Amino acid sequence: MMSTKLTYDNRIRIGRYSSRNISKFGKIGMIIYLLANR
């Protein structure tokens, strides 16, 4: 689905950007990661 692809792309961007802010986006990244792999 389009939403899944957009979520995946956003997860990559957020993953790179949140390398410093892992404390903030860590949980969100995990949730998105789990949802993307459903």
N, C-alpha and C. Protein backbone atom coordinates (compact mmCIF):
# COMPACT_ATOMS: atom_id res chain seq x y z
N MET A 1 0.83 -1.20 0.00
CA MET A 1 0.00 0.00 0.00
C MET A 1 0.86 1.26 0.00
N MET A 2 0.30 2.32 -0.50
CA MET A 2 1.04 3.59 -0.55
C MET A 2 1.44 4.02 0.85
N SER A 3 0.51 3.94 1.78
CA SER A 3 0.78 4.39 3.14
C SER A 3 1.94 3.61 3.74
N THR A 4 2.01 2.31 3.42
CA THR A 4 3.10 1.50 3.95
C THR A 4 4.43 1.97 3.39
N LYS A 5 4.46 2.26 2.07
CA LYS A 5 5.71 2.72 1.46
C LYS A 5 6.12 4.06 2.05
N LEU A 6 5.15 4.96 2.19
CA LEU A 6 5.47 6.27 2.76
C LEU A 6 5.96 6.12 4.19
N THR A 7 5.33 5.23 4.94
CA THR A 7 5.75 5.00 6.32
C THR A 7 7.16 4.45 6.34
N TYR A 8 7.46 3.55 5.41
CA TYR A 8 8.80 2.95 5.37
C TYR A 8 9.84 4.01 5.06
N ASP A 9 9.55 4.86 4.06
CA ASP A 9 10.49 5.93 3.71
C ASP A 9 10.67 6.89 4.88
N ASN A 10 9.57 7.23 5.54
CA ASN A 10 9.66 8.14 6.69
C ASN A 10 10.44 7.50 7.82
N ARG A 11 10.29 6.19 7.98
CA ARG A 11 11.02 5.51 9.05
C ARG A 11 12.52 5.60 8.79
N ILE A 12 12.93 5.47 7.53
CA ILE A 12 14.35 5.57 7.20
C ILE A 12 14.85 6.98 7.51
N ARG A 13 14.10 7.99 7.07
CA ARG A 13 14.52 9.38 7.31
C ARG A 13 14.56 9.67 8.80
N ILE A 14 13.51 9.27 9.51
CA ILE A 14 13.47 9.50 10.96
C ILE A 14 14.58 8.72 11.64
N GLY A 15 14.82 7.50 11.16
CA GLY A 15 15.88 6.67 11.75
C GLY A 15 17.23 7.35 11.67
N ARG A 16 17.51 7.96 10.51
CA ARG A 16 18.79 8.65 10.35
C ARG A 16 18.83 9.92 11.19
N TYR A 17 17.73 10.65 11.19
CA TYR A 17 17.70 11.91 11.92
C TYR A 17 17.65 11.68 13.42
N SER A 18 16.97 10.60 13.83
CA SER A 18 16.80 10.34 15.27
C SER A 18 17.99 9.61 15.86
N SER A 19 19.05 9.44 15.07
CA SER A 19 20.24 8.80 15.63
C SER A 19 20.74 9.59 16.84
N ARG A 20 20.47 10.90 16.84
CA ARG A 20 20.83 11.74 17.99
C ARG A 20 19.68 11.82 18.98
N ASN A 21 18.46 11.81 18.46
CA ASN A 21 17.28 11.94 19.32
C ASN A 21 16.60 10.59 19.50
N ILE A 22 17.40 9.54 19.66
CA ILE A 22 16.83 8.19 19.78
C ILE A 22 15.90 8.10 20.98
N SER A 23 16.19 8.86 22.01
CA SER A 23 15.36 8.82 23.21
C SER A 23 13.94 9.26 22.91
N LYS A 24 13.77 10.17 21.93
CA LYS A 24 12.44 10.68 21.61
C LYS A 24 11.75 9.79 20.58
N PHE A 25 12.46 9.44 19.50
CA PHE A 25 11.85 8.71 18.41
C PHE A 25 12.08 7.21 18.52
N GLY A 26 12.74 6.76 19.59
CA GLY A 26 13.03 5.34 19.73
C GLY A 26 11.75 4.52 19.76
N LYS A 27 10.83 4.89 20.65
CA LYS A 27 9.59 4.14 20.78
C LYS A 27 8.76 4.26 19.51
N ILE A 28 8.65 5.47 18.96
CA ILE A 28 7.88 5.68 17.74
C ILE A 28 8.47 4.85 16.61
N GLY A 29 9.79 4.86 16.52
CA GLY A 29 10.45 4.08 15.46
C GLY A 29 10.14 2.61 15.59
N MET A 30 10.14 2.10 16.82
CA MET A 30 9.82 0.69 17.03
C MET A 30 8.40 0.38 16.61
N ILE A 31 7.47 1.24 16.98
CA ILE A 31 6.06 1.01 16.63
C ILE A 31 5.91 1.01 15.11
N ILE A 32 6.49 2.00 14.44
CA ILE A 32 6.40 2.08 12.98
C ILE A 32 7.05 0.85 12.37
N TYR A 33 8.19 0.43 12.93
CA TYR A 33 8.89 -0.74 12.40
C TYR A 33 8.00 -1.97 12.50
N LEU A 34 7.35 -2.15 13.65
CA LEU A 34 6.48 -3.32 13.83
C LEU A 34 5.29 -3.25 12.89
N LEU A 35 4.69 -2.06 12.74
CA LEU A 35 3.54 -1.92 11.86
C LEU A 35 3.93 -2.18 10.41
N ALA A 36 5.11 -1.74 10.02
CA ALA A 36 5.55 -1.91 8.63
C ALA A 36 5.82 -3.37 8.32
N ASN A 37 6.15 -4.17 9.33
CA ASN A 37 6.47 -5.58 9.11
C ASN A 37 5.28 -6.49 9.37
N ARG A 38 4.08 -5.93 9.49
CA ARG A 38 2.90 -6.77 9.73
C ARG A 38 2.50 -7.48 8.46
